[in-house]
C-alpha atoms as a PDB file:
ATOM      1  CA  MET A   1     122.220 114.464 151.892  1.00  0.00           C
ATOM      2  CA  THR A   2     123.041 110.742 152.383  1.00  0.00           C
ATOM      3  CA  HIS A   3     121.835 110.799 155.815  1.00  0.00           C
ATOM      4  CA  TRP A   4     118.376 112.110 154.558  1.00  0.00           C
ATOM      5  CA  LEU A   5     118.127 109.558 151.863  1.00  0.00           C
ATOM      6  CA  THR A   6     118.898 106.827 154.279  1.00  0.00           C
ATOM      7  CA  GLN A   7     116.158 108.009 156.713  1.00  0.00           C
ATOM      8  CA  LEU A   8     113.702 108.280 153.875  1.00  0.00           C
ATOM      9  CA  ARG A   9     114.671 104.931 152.677  1.00  0.00           C
ATOM     10  CA  ALA A  10     114.282 103.541 156.230  1.00  0.00           C
ATOM     11  CA  VAL A  11     110.763 104.935 156.542  1.00  0.00           C
ATOM     12  CA  GLY A  12     109.594 103.494 153.549  1.00  0.00           C
ATOM     13  CA  LEU A  13     111.192 100.228 154.584  1.00  0.00           C
ATOM     14  CA  PHE A  14     109.352 100.404 157.892  1.00  0.00           C
ATOM     15  CA  TYR A  15     106.056 101.543 156.111  1.00  0.00           C
ATOM     16  CA  ARG A  16     106.083  98.501 154.079  1.00  0.00           C
ATOM     17  CA  SER A  17     106.401  96.143 157.238  1.00  0.00           C
ATOM     18  CA  ILE A  18     103.299  98.044 158.720  1.00  0.00           C
ATOM     19  CA  ALA A  19     101.370  98.469 155.440  1.00  0.00           C
ATOM     20  CA  PRO A  20      99.296  95.148 155.810  1.00  0.00           C
ATOM     21  CA  PHE A  21      97.910  96.640 158.907  1.00  0.00           C
ATOM     22  CA  THR A  22      97.310 100.278 157.855  1.00  0.00           C
ATOM     23  CA  LEU A  23      95.864  99.436 154.510  1.00  0.00           C
ATOM     24  CA  GLY A  24      93.629  97.061 155.807  1.00  0.00           C
ATOM     25  CA  ILE A  25      92.065  99.471 158.087  1.00  0.00           C
ATOM     26  CA  THR A  26      91.887 102.065 155.139  1.00  0.00           C
ATOM     27  CA  ALA A  27      90.064  99.512 153.138  1.00  0.00           C
ATOM     28  CA  LEU A  28      87.611  98.500 155.860  1.00  0.00           C
ATOM     29  CA  LEU A  29      86.719 102.184 156.472  1.00  0.00           C
ATOM     30  CA  VAL A  30      86.428 103.014 152.836  1.00  0.00           C
ATOM     31  CA  LEU A  31      84.484  99.834 151.776  1.00  0.00           C
ATOM     32  CA  LEU A  32      82.233  99.252 154.815  1.00  0.00           C
ATOM     33  CA  VAL A  33      81.509 102.740 155.817  1.00  0.00           C
ATOM     34  CA  LEU A  34      82.211 105.337 153.137  1.00  0.00           C
ATOM     35  CA  LEU A  35      81.030 103.530 150.068  1.00  0.00           C
ATOM     36  CA  PRO A  36      77.432 102.444 151.557  1.00  0.00           C
ATOM     37  CA  LEU A  37      76.970 105.859 152.908  1.00  0.00           C
ATOM     38  CA  LEU A  38      77.930 107.600 149.509  1.00  0.00           C
ATOM     39  CA  HIS A  39      75.232 104.954 147.929  1.00  0.00           C
ATOM     40  CA  GLU A  40      72.509 106.360 150.325  1.00  0.00           C
ATOM     41  CA  GLY A  41      73.550 110.035 149.648  1.00  0.00           C
ATOM     42  CA  ARG A  42      74.459 110.500 153.371  1.00  0.00           C
ATOM     43  CA  ALA A  43      78.300 111.067 153.248  1.00  0.00           C
ATOM     44  CA  ALA A  44      78.159 114.890 153.487  1.00  0.00           C
ATOM     45  CA  GLY A  45      80.607 115.887 156.194  1.00  0.00           C
ATOM     46  CA  LEU A  46      81.880 112.422 156.591  1.00  0.00           C
ATOM     47  CA  LEU A  47      85.371 112.687 155.719  1.00  0.00           C
ATOM     48  CA  PRO A  48      86.710 114.518 158.710  1.00  0.00           C
ATOM     49  CA  ARG A  49      84.977 111.991 160.940  1.00  0.00           C
ATOM     50  CA  LEU A  50      86.436 108.956 158.925  1.00  0.00           C
ATOM     51  CA  ALA A  51      89.920 110.706 159.214  1.00  0.00           C
ATOM     52  CA  GLY A  52      89.335 110.892 163.116  1.00  0.00           C
ATOM     53  CA  ALA A  53      88.435 107.315 163.111  1.00  0.00           C
ATOM     54  CA  LYS A  54      91.454 106.434 161.150  1.00  0.00           C
ATOM     55  CA  LEU A  55      93.557 108.205 163.513  1.00  0.00           C
ATOM     56  CA  LEU A  56      92.042 106.324 166.430  1.00  0.00           C
ATOM     57  CA  THR A  57      93.375 103.396 164.903  1.00  0.00           C
ATOM     58  CA  GLY A  58      97.017 104.207 165.512  1.00  0.00           C
ATOM     59  CA  PRO A  59      97.490 102.441 168.714  1.00  0.00           C
ATOM     60  CA  ALA A  60      96.045  99.235 167.375  1.00  0.00           C
ATOM     61  CA  VAL A  61      98.508  99.282 164.452  1.00  0.00           C
ATOM     62  CA  TRP A  62     101.241  99.869 166.969  1.00  0.00           C
ATOM     63  CA  TYR A  63     100.054  97.017 169.257  1.00  0.00           C
ATOM     64  CA  LEU A  64     100.168  94.599 166.132  1.00  0.00           C
ATOM     65  CA  ALA A  65     103.536  95.938 164.803  1.00  0.00           C
ATOM     66  CA  GLU A  66     105.047  95.422 167.937  1.00  0.00           C
ATOM     67  CA  ARG A  67     103.456  91.749 168.421  1.00  0.00           C
ATOM     68  CA  ALA A  68     104.473  90.874 164.737  1.00  0.00           C
ATOM     69  CA  ARG A  69     108.209  91.988 165.078  1.00  0.00           C
ATOM     70  CA  PRO A  70     109.336  92.799 168.623  1.00  0.00           C
ATOM     71  CA  GLN A  71     112.776  93.430 167.824  1.00  0.00           C
ATOM     72  CA  GLN A  72     112.402  95.358 164.640  1.00  0.00           C
ATOM     73  CA  TYR A  73     113.600  98.864 165.836  1.00  0.00           C
ATOM     74  CA  TRP A  74     117.349  97.767 166.309  1.00  0.00           C
ATOM     75  CA  PHE A  75     117.733  97.713 162.516  1.00  0.00           C
ATOM     76  CA  TYR A  76     116.434 101.240 162.324  1.00  0.00           C
ATOM     77  CA  TYR A  77     118.423 102.330 165.582  1.00  0.00           C
ATOM     78  CA  ASN A  78     121.804 101.361 163.931  1.00  0.00           C
ATOM     79  CA  LEU A  79     120.937 103.268 160.580  1.00  0.00           C
ATOM     80  CA  GLY A  80     120.164 106.551 162.980  1.00  0.00           C
ATOM     81  CA  VAL A  81     116.406 106.672 162.808  1.00  0.00           C
ATOM     82  CA  SER A  82     114.465 107.036 165.880  1.00  0.00           C
ATOM     83  CA  ARG A  83     111.055 105.395 166.409  1.00  0.00           C
ATOM     84  CA  ARG A  84     109.439 108.648 166.743  1.00  0.00           C
ATOM     85  CA  HIS A  85     110.564 109.496 163.194  1.00  0.00           C
ATOM     86  CA  LEU A  86     109.297 106.026 161.959  1.00  0.00           C
ATOM     87  CA  TRP A  87     105.971 106.504 163.357  1.00  0.00           C
ATOM     88  CA  THR A  88     105.724 110.025 162.204  1.00  0.00           C
ATOM     89  CA  GLY A  89     106.559 109.031 158.537  1.00  0.00           C
ATOM     90  CA  VAL A  90     104.080 106.180 158.874  1.00  0.00           C
ATOM     91  CA  ALA A  91     101.515 108.630 159.895  1.00  0.00           C
ATOM     92  CA  VAL A  92     102.124 111.011 157.029  1.00  0.00           C
ATOM     93  CA  ILE A  93     102.276 108.294 154.330  1.00  0.00           C
ATOM     94  CA  ASP A  94      99.249 106.392 155.580  1.00  0.00           C
ATOM     95  CA  GLY A  95      97.341 109.727 156.145  1.00  0.00           C
ATOM     96  CA  LEU A  96      98.212 110.791 152.227  1.00  0.00           C
ATOM     97  CA  LEU A  97      97.109 107.231 151.197  1.00  0.00           C
ATOM     98  CA  PHE A  98      93.973 107.385 153.180  1.00  0.00           C
ATOM     99  CA  VAL A  99      92.994 111.014 151.854  1.00  0.00           C
ATOM    100  CA  GLY A 100      93.646 109.781 148.261  1.00  0.00           C
ATOM    101  CA  ALA A 101      91.547 106.558 148.701  1.00  0.00           C
ATOM    102  CA  THR A 102      88.691 108.484 150.086  1.00  0.00           C
ATOM    103  CA  THR A 103      88.754 111.189 147.537  1.00  0.00           C
ATOM    104  CA  ALA A 104      89.034 108.711 144.720  1.00  0.00           C
ATOM    105  CA  THR A 105      86.166 106.848 146.133  1.00  0.00           C
ATOM    106  CA  THR A 106      84.127 109.922 146.385  1.00  0.00           C
ATOM    107  CA  ALA A 107      84.957 111.035 142.841  1.00  0.00           C
ATOM    108  CA  LEU A 108      84.225 107.747 141.317  1.00  0.00           C
ATOM    109  CA  VAL A 109      80.788 107.173 142.950  1.00  0.00           C
ATOM    110  CA  SER A 110      79.708 110.934 142.616  1.00  0.00           C
END
């Protein structure tokens, strides 16, 4: 149980360091793509394509994270958390936040 909680806390801490990049991309997609199309009434079937666009930004986020803190993985390695586990956690958390933001924006505008 303690190992599992340590991994969850490590993923949360890692996401906190990546959040400016991921949340910035989410804000750009929602404000510059989804919102104008909702106002024009042409947003039918757009959410899966936006989710695909969000997934395509993953390599850019990875690159920016590596450039910002190149030696960041040693801390997580010492906690017993692999890079794969960290990035999977980031993808899940960011995906849920993206779906929540797009759903909330769609509900508020409609």
